[in-house]
Amino acid sequence: MTQHDLSVRHYSAGHELERAGDFSAARKCYCMAVSLEPDNPVYIQAAAKLALRMGNIEDARFLFQEAVACSRSSHKHATATFTSLVCESAGI
């Protein structure tokens, strides 16, 4: 199994755990995916979204910035996602 395969498995497990409401376990899986592929903006953005859902605004901001730095093409999507999630968590 390649490093990429392992990172995909961790990312997928994180996604399923997040959907099931186990945010702590999901966070660990996303962190493993990012540690295996630190330049993958999809994995970093997943960790950022989860951090925001968990109320860790500063962590989320940092991670979204990292995702943007990894891929300029994800800038609009990351910014829009961050904005919409902040508004959602504020009840706007």
PDB file of N, CA and C in Angstrom:
ATOM      1  N   MET A   1       0.842  -1.176   0.000  1.00  0.00           N
ATOM      2  CA  MET A   1       0.000   0.000   0.000  1.00  0.00           C
ATOM      3  C   MET A   1       0.889   1.242   0.000  1.00  0.00           C
ATOM      4  N   THR A   2       0.586   2.174  -0.870  1.00  0.00           N
ATOM      5  CA  THR A   2       1.393   3.389  -0.985  1.00  0.00           C
ATOM      6  C   THR A   2       1.010   4.411   0.089  1.00  0.00           C
ATOM      7  N   GLN A   3       1.857   5.396   0.224  1.00  0.00           N
ATOM      8  CA  GLN A   3       1.581   6.489   1.162  1.00  0.00           C
ATOM      9  C   GLN A   3       0.295   7.207   0.754  1.00  0.00           C
ATOM     10  N   HIS A   4       0.108   7.390  -0.537  1.00  0.00           N
ATOM     11  CA  HIS A   4      -1.115   8.038  -1.022  1.00  0.00           C
ATOM     12  C   HIS A   4      -2.351   7.209  -0.652  1.00  0.00           C
ATOM     13  N   ASP A   5      -2.264   5.904  -0.827  1.00  0.00           N
ATOM     14  CA  ASP A   5      -3.381   5.027  -0.462  1.00  0.00           C
ATOM     15  C   ASP A   5      -3.728   5.160   1.017  1.00  0.00           C
ATOM     16  N   LEU A   6      -2.698   5.215   1.855  1.00  0.00           N
ATOM     17  CA  LEU A   6      -2.922   5.376   3.291  1.00  0.00           C
ATOM     18  C   LEU A   6      -3.579   6.715   3.606  1.00  0.00           C
ATOM     19  N   SER A   7      -3.124   7.756   2.932  1.00  0.00           N
ATOM     20  CA  SER A   7      -3.710   9.074   3.197  1.00  0.00           C
ATOM     21  C   SER A   7      -5.177   9.109   2.771  1.00  0.00           C
ATOM     22  N   VAL A   8      -5.497   8.464   1.657  1.00  0.00           N
ATOM     23  CA  VAL A   8      -6.888   8.397   1.199  1.00  0.00           C
ATOM     24  C   VAL A   8      -7.735   7.646   2.218  1.00  0.00           C
ATOM     25  N   ARG A   9      -7.209   6.561   2.737  1.00  0.00           N
ATOM     26  CA  ARG A   9      -7.945   5.791   3.754  1.00  0.00           C
ATOM     27  C   ARG A   9      -8.220   6.628   4.996  1.00  0.00           C
ATOM     28  N   HIS A  10      -7.205   7.364   5.455  1.00  0.00           N
ATOM     29  CA  HIS A  10      -7.389   8.211   6.641  1.00  0.00           C
ATOM     30  C   HIS A  10      -8.397   9.323   6.368  1.00  0.00           C
ATOM     31  N   TYR A  11      -8.282   9.937   5.215  1.00  0.00           N
ATOM     32  CA  TYR A  11      -9.226  10.997   4.849  1.00  0.00           C
ATOM     33  C   TYR A  11     -10.651  10.449   4.793  1.00  0.00           C
ATOM     34  N   SER A  12     -10.835   9.319   4.145  1.00  0.00           N
ATOM     35  CA  SER A  12     -12.164   8.712   4.028  1.00  0.00           C
ATOM     36  C   SER A  12     -12.726   8.330   5.389  1.00  0.00           C
ATOM     37  N   ALA A  13     -11.883   7.756   6.235  1.00  0.00           N
ATOM     38  CA  ALA A  13     -12.324   7.401   7.583  1.00  0.00           C
ATOM     39  C   ALA A  13     -12.716   8.656   8.361  1.00  0.00           C
ATOM     40  N   GLY A  14     -11.923   9.711   8.207  1.00  0.00           N
ATOM     41  CA  GLY A  14     -12.251  10.976   8.874  1.00  0.00           C
ATOM     42  C   GLY A  14     -13.592  11.515   8.431  1.00  0.00           C
ATOM     43  N   HIS A  15     -13.839  11.438   7.148  1.00  0.00           N
ATOM     44  CA  HIS A  15     -15.112  11.919   6.605  1.00  0.00           C
ATOM     45  C   HIS A  15     -16.285  11.130   7.207  1.00  0.00           C
ATOM     46  N   GLU A  16     -16.152   9.819   7.245  1.00  0.00           N
ATOM     47  CA  GLU A  16     -17.223   8.978   7.803  1.00  0.00           C
ATOM     48  C   GLU A  16     -17.408   9.227   9.296  1.00  0.00           C
ATOM     49  N   LEU A  17     -16.326   9.362  10.028  1.00  0.00           N
ATOM     50  CA  LEU A  17     -16.413   9.635  11.463  1.00  0.00           C
ATOM     51  C   LEU A  17     -17.034  11.003  11.728  1.00  0.00           C
ATOM     52  N   GLU A  18     -16.692  11.976  10.898  1.00  0.00           N
ATOM     53  CA  GLU A  18     -17.286  13.304  11.053  1.00  0.00           C
ATOM     54  C   GLU A  18     -18.793  13.230  10.817  1.00  0.00           C
ATOM     55  N   ARG A  19     -19.195  12.524   9.776  1.00  0.00           N
ATOM     56  CA  ARG A  19     -20.627  12.365   9.485  1.00  0.00           C
ATOM     57  C   ARG A  19     -21.354  11.670  10.636  1.00  0.00           C
ATOM     58  N   ALA A  20     -20.655  10.755  11.317  1.00  0.00           N
ATOM     59  CA  ALA A  20     -21.248  10.028  12.435  1.00  0.00           C
ATOM     60  C   ALA A  20     -21.229  10.843  13.734  1.00  0.00           C
ATOM     61  N   GLY A  21     -20.577  12.002  13.699  1.00  0.00           N
ATOM     62  CA  GLY A  21     -20.535  12.866  14.874  1.00  0.00           C
ATOM     63  C   GLY A  21     -19.361  12.631  15.807  1.00  0.00           C
ATOM     64  N   ASP A  22     -18.438  11.771  15.429  1.00  0.00           N
ATOM     65  CA  ASP A  22     -17.257  11.515  16.259  1.00  0.00           C
ATOM     66  C   ASP A  22     -16.131  12.448  15.802  1.00  0.00           C
ATOM     67  N   PHE A  23     -16.241  13.700  16.210  1.00  0.00           N
ATOM     68  CA  PHE A  23     -15.329  14.737  15.734  1.00  0.00           C
ATOM     69  C   PHE A  23     -13.890  14.510  16.193  1.00  0.00           C
ATOM     70  N   SER A  24     -13.713  14.020  17.392  1.00  0.00           N
ATOM     71  CA  SER A  24     -12.359  13.798  17.895  1.00  0.00           C
ATOM     72  C   SER A  24     -11.629  12.752  17.059  1.00  0.00           C
ATOM     73  N   ALA A  25     -12.294  11.653  16.779  1.00  0.00           N
ATOM     74  CA  ALA A  25     -11.675  10.603  15.956  1.00  0.00           C
ATOM     75  C   ALA A  25     -11.486  11.087  14.519  1.00  0.00           C
ATOM     76  N   ALA A  26     -12.444  11.852  14.015  1.00  0.00           N
ATOM     77  CA  ALA A  26     -12.331  12.397  12.657  1.00  0.00           C
ATOM     78  C   ALA A  26     -11.113  13.313  12.560  1.00  0.00           C
ATOM     79  N   ARG A  27     -10.932  14.127  13.571  1.00  0.00           N
ATOM     80  CA  ARG A  27      -9.781  15.051  13.593  1.00  0.00           C
ATOM     81  C   ARG A  27      -8.469  14.275  13.497  1.00  0.00           C
ATOM     82  N   LYS A  28      -8.369  13.190  14.244  1.00  0.00           N
ATOM     83  CA  LYS A  28      -7.150  12.369  14.207  1.00  0.00           C
ATOM     84  C   LYS A  28      -6.918  11.797  12.812  1.00  0.00           C
ATOM     85  N   CYS A  29      -7.988  11.337  12.184  1.00  0.00           N
ATOM     86  CA  CYS A  29      -7.850  10.779  10.834  1.00  0.00           C
ATOM     87  C   CYS A  29      -7.424  11.846   9.834  1.00  0.00           C
ATOM     88  N   TYR A  30      -8.045  13.012   9.899  1.00  0.00           N
ATOM     89  CA  TYR A  30      -7.665  14.097   8.987  1.00  0.00           C
ATOM     90  C   TYR A  30      -6.209  14.506   9.223  1.00  0.00           C
ATOM     91  N   CYS A  31      -5.801  14.558  10.478  1.00  0.00           N
ATOM     92  CA  CYS A  31      -4.406  14.916  10.780  1.00  0.00           C
ATOM     93  C   CYS A  31      -3.435  13.885  10.217  1.00  0.00           C
ATOM     94  N   MET A  32      -3.815  12.618  10.277  1.00  0.00           N
ATOM     95  CA  MET A  32      -2.957  11.578   9.691  1.00  0.00           C
ATOM     96  C   MET A  32      -2.879  11.745   8.172  1.00  0.00           C
ATOM     97  N   ALA A  33      -4.018  12.033   7.546  1.00  0.00           N
ATOM     98  CA  ALA A  33      -4.022  12.242   6.091  1.00  0.00           C
ATOM     99  C   ALA A  33      -3.115  13.412   5.727  1.00  0.00           C
ATOM    100  N   VAL A  34      -3.215  14.500   6.478  1.00  0.00           N
ATOM    101  CA  VAL A  34      -2.385  15.687   6.215  1.00  0.00           C
ATOM    102  C   VAL A  34      -0.913  15.376   6.467  1.00  0.00           C
ATOM    103  N   SER A  35      -0.625  14.605   7.511  1.00  0.00           N
ATOM    104  CA  SER A  35       0.788  14.296   7.784  1.00  0.00           C
ATOM    105  C   SER A  35       1.391  13.437   6.676  1.00  0.00           C
ATOM    106  N   LEU A  36       0.562  12.604   6.043  1.00  0.00           N
ATOM    107  CA  LEU A  36       1.046  11.770   4.950  1.00  0.00           C
ATOM    108  C   LEU A  36       1.160  12.544   3.636  1.00  0.00           C
ATOM    109  N   GLU A  37       0.280  13.512   3.436  1.00  0.00           N
ATOM    110  CA  GLU A  37       0.303  14.341   2.226  1.00  0.00           C
ATOM    111  C   GLU A  37       0.100  15.802   2.625  1.00  0.00           C
ATOM    112  N   PRO A  38       1.157  16.421   3.174  1.00  0.00           N
ATOM    113  CA  PRO A  38       1.019  17.780   3.715  1.00  0.00           C
ATOM    114  C   PRO A  38       0.700  18.859   2.684  1.00  0.00           C
ATOM    115  N   ASP A  39       0.861  18.564   1.410  1.00  0.00           N
ATOM    116  CA  ASP A  39       0.561  19.552   0.372  1.00  0.00           C
ATOM    117  C   ASP A  39      -0.783  19.303  -0.305  1.00  0.00           C
ATOM    118  N   ASN A  40      -1.621  18.480   0.300  1.00  0.00           N
ATOM    119  CA  ASN A  40      -2.925  18.185  -0.284  1.00  0.00           C
ATOM    120  C   ASN A  40      -3.965  19.136   0.313  1.00  0.00           C
ATOM    121  N   PRO A  41      -4.399  20.140  -0.459  1.00  0.00           N
ATOM    122  CA  PRO A  41      -5.328  21.128   0.083  1.00  0.00           C
ATOM    123  C   PRO A  41      -6.693  20.549   0.449  1.00  0.00           C
ATOM    124  N   VAL A  42      -7.094  19.454  -0.176  1.00  0.00           N
ATOM    125  CA  VAL A  42      -8.384  18.833   0.150  1.00  0.00           C
ATOM    126  C   VAL A  42      -8.359  18.318   1.583  1.00  0.00           C
ATOM    127  N   TYR A  43      -7.280  17.674   1.970  1.00  0.00           N
ATOM    128  CA  TYR A  43      -7.166  17.133   3.322  1.00  0.00           C
ATOM    129  C   TYR A  43      -7.073  18.264   4.346  1.00  0.00           C
ATOM    130  N   ILE A  44      -6.299  19.278   4.017  1.00  0.00           N
ATOM    131  CA  ILE A  44      -6.148  20.409   4.935  1.00  0.00           C
ATOM    132  C   ILE A  44      -7.482  21.132   5.101  1.00  0.00           C
ATOM    133  N   GLN A  45      -8.200  21.296   4.006  1.00  0.00           N
ATOM    134  CA  GLN A  45      -9.488  21.974   4.073  1.00  0.00           C
ATOM    135  C   GLN A  45     -10.497  21.159   4.892  1.00  0.00           C
ATOM    136  N   ALA A  46     -10.464  19.845   4.783  1.00  0.00           N
ATOM    137  CA  ALA A  46     -11.349  18.998   5.591  1.00  0.00           C
ATOM    138  C   ALA A  46     -11.059  19.200   7.078  1.00  0.00           C
ATOM    139  N   ALA A  47      -9.787  19.254   7.422  1.00  0.00           N
ATOM    140  CA  ALA A  47      -9.403  19.498   8.813  1.00  0.00           C
ATOM    141  C   ALA A  47      -9.849  20.888   9.255  1.00  0.00           C
ATOM    142  N   ALA A  48      -9.756  21.857   8.350  1.00  0.00           N
ATOM    143  CA  ALA A  48     -10.180  23.228   8.663  1.00  0.00           C
ATOM    144  C   ALA A  48     -11.685  23.297   8.908  1.00  0.00           C
ATOM    145  N   LYS A  49     -12.459  22.662   8.052  1.00  0.00           N
ATOM    146  CA  LYS A  49     -13.921  22.650   8.231  1.00  0.00           C
ATOM    147  C   LYS A  49     -14.303  22.014   9.563  1.00  0.00           C
ATOM    148  N   LEU A  50     -13.629  20.915   9.882  1.00  0.00           N
ATOM    149  CA  LEU A  50     -13.926  20.240  11.140  1.00  0.00           C
ATOM    150  C   LEU A  50     -13.546  21.125  12.329  1.00  0.00           C
ATOM    151  N   ALA A  51     -12.404  21.771  12.251  1.00  0.00           N
ATOM    152  CA  ALA A  51     -11.992  22.675  13.329  1.00  0.00           C
ATOM    153  C   ALA A  51     -13.042  23.759  13.530  1.00  0.00           C
ATOM    154  N   LEU A  52     -13.569  24.281  12.458  1.00  0.00           N
ATOM    155  CA  LEU A  52     -14.602  25.306  12.548  1.00  0.00           C
ATOM    156  C   LEU A  52     -15.866  24.736  13.193  1.00  0.00           C
ATOM    157  N   ARG A  53     -16.262  23.549  12.777  1.00  0.00           N
ATOM    158  CA  ARG A  53     -17.445  22.901  13.369  1.00  0.00           C
ATOM    159  C   ARG A  53     -17.258  22.668  14.863  1.00  0.00           C
ATOM    160  N   MET A  54     -16.018  22.429  15.258  1.00  0.00           N
ATOM    161  CA  MET A  54     -15.723  22.180  16.671  1.00  0.00           C
ATOM    162  C   MET A  54     -15.547  23.476  17.453  1.00  0.00           C
ATOM    163  N   GLY A  55     -15.651  24.617  16.764  1.00  0.00           N
ATOM    164  CA  GLY A  55     -15.533  25.909  17.430  1.00  0.00           C
ATOM    165  C   GLY A  55     -14.119  26.428  17.551  1.00  0.00           C
ATOM    166  N   ASN A  56     -13.178  25.794  16.878  1.00  0.00           N
ATOM    167  CA  ASN A  56     -11.773  26.217  16.919  1.00  0.00           C
ATOM    168  C   ASN A  56     -11.495  27.172  15.760  1.00  0.00           C
ATOM    169  N   ILE A  57     -11.979  28.393  15.906  1.00  0.00           N
ATOM    170  CA  ILE A  57     -11.922  29.385  14.823  1.00  0.00           C
ATOM    171  C   ILE A  57     -10.487  29.675  14.389  1.00  0.00           C
ATOM    172  N   GLU A  58      -9.596  29.858  15.344  1.00  0.00           N
ATOM    173  CA  GLU A  58      -8.209  30.190  14.990  1.00  0.00           C
ATOM    174  C   GLU A  58      -7.531  29.024  14.270  1.00  0.00           C
ATOM    175  N   ASP A  59      -7.761  27.815  14.727  1.00  0.00           N
ATOM    176  CA  ASP A  59      -7.210  26.643  14.033  1.00  0.00           C
ATOM    177  C   ASP A  59      -7.765  26.556  12.623  1.00  0.00           C
ATOM    178  N   ALA A  60      -9.073  26.792  12.506  1.00  0.00           N
ATOM    179  CA  ALA A  60      -9.712  26.737  11.191  1.00  0.00           C
ATOM    180  C   ALA A  60      -9.120  27.787  10.259  1.00  0.00           C
ATOM    181  N   ARG A  61      -8.946  28.996  10.756  1.00  0.00           N
ATOM    182  CA  ARG A  61      -8.376  30.072   9.931  1.00  0.00           C
ATOM    183  C   ARG A  61      -6.975  29.699   9.454  1.00  0.00           C
ATOM    184  N   PHE A  62      -6.160  29.203  10.368  1.00  0.00           N
ATOM    185  CA  PHE A  62      -4.803  28.803  10.010  1.00  0.00           C
ATOM    186  C   PHE A  62      -4.821  27.703   8.945  1.00  0.00           C
ATOM    187  N   LEU A  63      -5.660  26.702   9.144  1.00  0.00           N
ATOM    188  CA  LEU A  63      -5.717  25.584   8.206  1.00  0.00           C
ATOM    189  C   LEU A  63      -6.248  26.010   6.844  1.00  0.00           C
ATOM    190  N   PHE A  64      -7.260  26.879   6.819  1.00  0.00           N
ATOM    191  CA  PHE A  64      -7.748  27.376   5.530  1.00  0.00           C
ATOM    192  C   PHE A  64      -6.640  28.141   4.801  1.00  0.00           C
ATOM    193  N   GLN A  65      -5.874  28.920   5.542  1.00  0.00           N
ATOM    194  CA  GLN A  65      -4.759  29.652   4.922  1.00  0.00           C
ATOM    195  C   GLN A  65      -3.718  28.682   4.374  1.00  0.00           C
ATOM    196  N   GLU A  66      -3.473  27.599   5.087  1.00  0.00           N
ATOM    197  CA  GLU A  66      -2.543  26.585   4.606  1.00  0.00           C
ATOM    198  C   GLU A  66      -3.066  25.930   3.327  1.00  0.00           C
ATOM    199  N   ALA A  67      -4.355  25.650   3.310  1.00  0.00           N
ATOM    200  CA  ALA A  67      -4.947  25.038   2.112  1.00  0.00           C
ATOM    201  C   ALA A  67      -4.797  25.961   0.914  1.00  0.00           C
ATOM    202  N   VAL A  68      -5.021  27.245   1.132  1.00  0.00           N
ATOM    203  CA  VAL A  68      -4.884  28.218   0.047  1.00  0.00           C
ATOM    204  C   VAL A  68      -3.434  28.299  -0.405  1.00  0.00           C
ATOM    205  N   ALA A  69      -2.520  28.277   0.535  1.00  0.00           N
ATOM    206  CA  ALA A  69      -1.105  28.343   0.177  1.00  0.00           C
ATOM    207  C   ALA A  69      -0.686  27.122  -0.644  1.00  0.00           C
ATOM    208  N   CYS A  70      -1.291  25.978  -0.363  1.00  0.00           N
ATOM    209  CA  CYS A  70      -0.962  24.754  -1.113  1.00  0.00           C
ATOM    210  C   CYS A  70      -1.497  24.795  -2.534  1.00  0.00           C
ATOM    211  N   SER A  71      -2.598  25.452  -2.707  1.00  0.00           N
ATOM    212  CA  SER A  71      -3.204  25.457  -4.031  1.00  0.00           C
ATOM    213  C   SER A  71      -3.953  26.759  -4.255  1.00  0.00           C
ATOM    214  N   ARG A  72      -3.377  27.624  -5.044  1.00  0.00           N
ATOM    215  CA  ARG A  72      -4.020  28.910  -5.326  1.00  0.00           C
ATOM    216  C   ARG A  72      -5.375  28.719  -5.979  1.00  0.00           C
ATOM    217  N   SER A  73      -5.564  27.641  -6.691  1.00  0.00           N
ATOM    218  CA  SER A  73      -6.840  27.406  -7.352  1.00  0.00           C
ATOM    219  C   SER A  73      -7.948  27.126  -6.349  1.00  0.00           C
ATOM    220  N   SER A  74      -7.584  26.721  -5.133  1.00  0.00           N
ATOM    221  CA  SER A  74      -8.602  26.447  -4.128  1.00  0.00           C
ATOM    222  C   SER A  74      -8.957  27.692  -3.324  1.00  0.00           C
ATOM    223  N   HIS A  75      -8.334  28.825  -3.631  1.00  0.00           N
ATOM    224  CA  HIS A  75      -8.540  30.044  -2.848  1.00  0.00           C
ATOM    225  C   HIS A  75     -10.004  30.458  -2.786  1.00  0.00           C
ATOM    226  N   LYS A  76     -10.657  30.554  -3.911  1.00  0.00           N
ATOM    227  CA  LYS A  76     -12.054  30.993  -3.911  1.00  0.00           C
ATOM    228  C   LYS A  76     -12.925  30.017  -3.140  1.00  0.00           C
ATOM    229  N   HIS A  77     -12.710  28.725  -3.373  1.00  0.00           N
ATOM    230  CA  HIS A  77     -13.522  27.720  -2.697  1.00  0.00           C
ATOM    231  C   HIS A  77     -13.276  27.734  -1.189  1.00  0.00           C
ATOM    232  N   ALA A  78     -12.010  27.812  -0.772  1.00  0.00           N
ATOM    233  CA  ALA A  78     -11.685  27.818   0.658  1.00  0.00           C
ATOM    234  C   ALA A  78     -12.249  29.058   1.331  1.00  0.00           C
ATOM    235  N   THR A  79     -12.122  30.206   0.686  1.00  0.00           N
ATOM    236  CA  THR A  79     -12.648  31.442   1.250  1.00  0.00           C
ATOM    237  C   THR A  79     -14.162  31.392   1.354  1.00  0.00           C
ATOM    238  N   ALA A  80     -14.822  30.915   0.308  1.00  0.00           N
ATOM    239  CA  ALA A  80     -16.279  30.819   0.322  1.00  0.00           C
ATOM    240  C   ALA A  80     -16.743  29.830   1.387  1.00  0.00           C
ATOM    241  N   THR A  81     -16.047  28.717   1.511  1.00  0.00           N
ATOM    242  CA  THR A  81     -16.411  27.723   2.517  1.00  0.00           C
ATOM    243  C   THR A  81     -16.240  28.292   3.913  1.00  0.00           C
ATOM    244  N   PHE A  82     -15.127  28.946   4.158  1.00  0.00           N
ATOM    245  CA  PHE A  82     -14.875  29.550   5.465  1.00  0.00           C
ATOM    246  C   PHE A  82     -15.964  30.559   5.794  1.00  0.00           C
ATOM    247  N   THR A  83     -16.277  31.424   4.852  1.00  0.00           N
ATOM    248  CA  THR A  83     -17.301  32.446   5.072  1.00  0.00           C
ATOM    249  C   THR A  83     -18.655  31.814   5.355  1.00  0.00           C
ATOM    250  N   SER A  84     -19.034  30.827   4.564  1.00  0.00           N
ATOM    251  CA  SER A  84     -20.343  30.215   4.761  1.00  0.00           C
ATOM    252  C   SER A  84     -20.416  29.459   6.091  1.00  0.00           C
ATOM    253  N   LEU A  85     -19.341  28.802   6.479  1.00  0.00           N
ATOM    254  CA  LEU A  85     -19.352  28.082   7.749  1.00  0.00           C
ATOM    255  C   LEU A  85     -19.360  29.013   8.948  1.00  0.00           C
ATOM    256  N   VAL A  86     -18.659  30.137   8.844  1.00  0.00           N
ATOM    257  CA  VAL A  86     -18.684  31.125   9.920  1.00  0.00           C
ATOM    258  C   VAL A  86     -20.091  31.685  10.069  1.00  0.00           C
ATOM    259  N   CYS A  87     -20.727  32.013   8.924  1.00  0.00           N
ATOM    260  CA  CYS A  87     -22.088  32.534   8.965  1.00  0.00           C
ATOM    261  C   CYS A  87     -23.046  31.487   9.531  1.00  0.00           C
ATOM    262  N   GLU A  88     -22.879  30.243   9.108  1.00  0.00           N
ATOM    263  CA  GLU A  88     -23.731  29.169   9.594  1.00  0.00           C
ATOM    264  C   GLU A  88     -23.606  28.989  11.099  1.00  0.00           C
ATOM    265  N   SER A  89     -22.364  29.001  11.581  1.00  0.00           N
ATOM    266  CA  SER A  89     -22.162  28.804  13.033  1.00  0.00           C
ATOM    267  C   SER A  89     -22.657  30.003  13.831  1.00  0.00           C
ATOM    268  N   ALA A  90     -22.725  31.172  13.188  1.00  0.00           N
ATOM    269  CA  ALA A  90     -23.246  32.369  13.865  1.00  0.00           C
ATOM    270  C   ALA A  90     -24.756  32.490  13.717  1.00  0.00           C
ATOM    271  N   GLY A  91     -25.360  31.582  12.965  1.00  0.00           N
ATOM    272  CA  GLY A  91     -26.796  31.611  12.773  1.00  0.00           C
ATOM    273  C   GLY A  91     -27.264  32.659  11.786  1.00  0.00           C
ATOM    274  N   ILE A  92     -26.384  33.046  10.880  1.00  0.00           N
ATOM    275  CA  ILE A  92     -26.711  34.078   9.886  1.00  0.00           C
ATOM    276  C   ILE A  92     -27.251  33.427   8.639  1.00  0.00           C
TER     277      ILE A  92
END
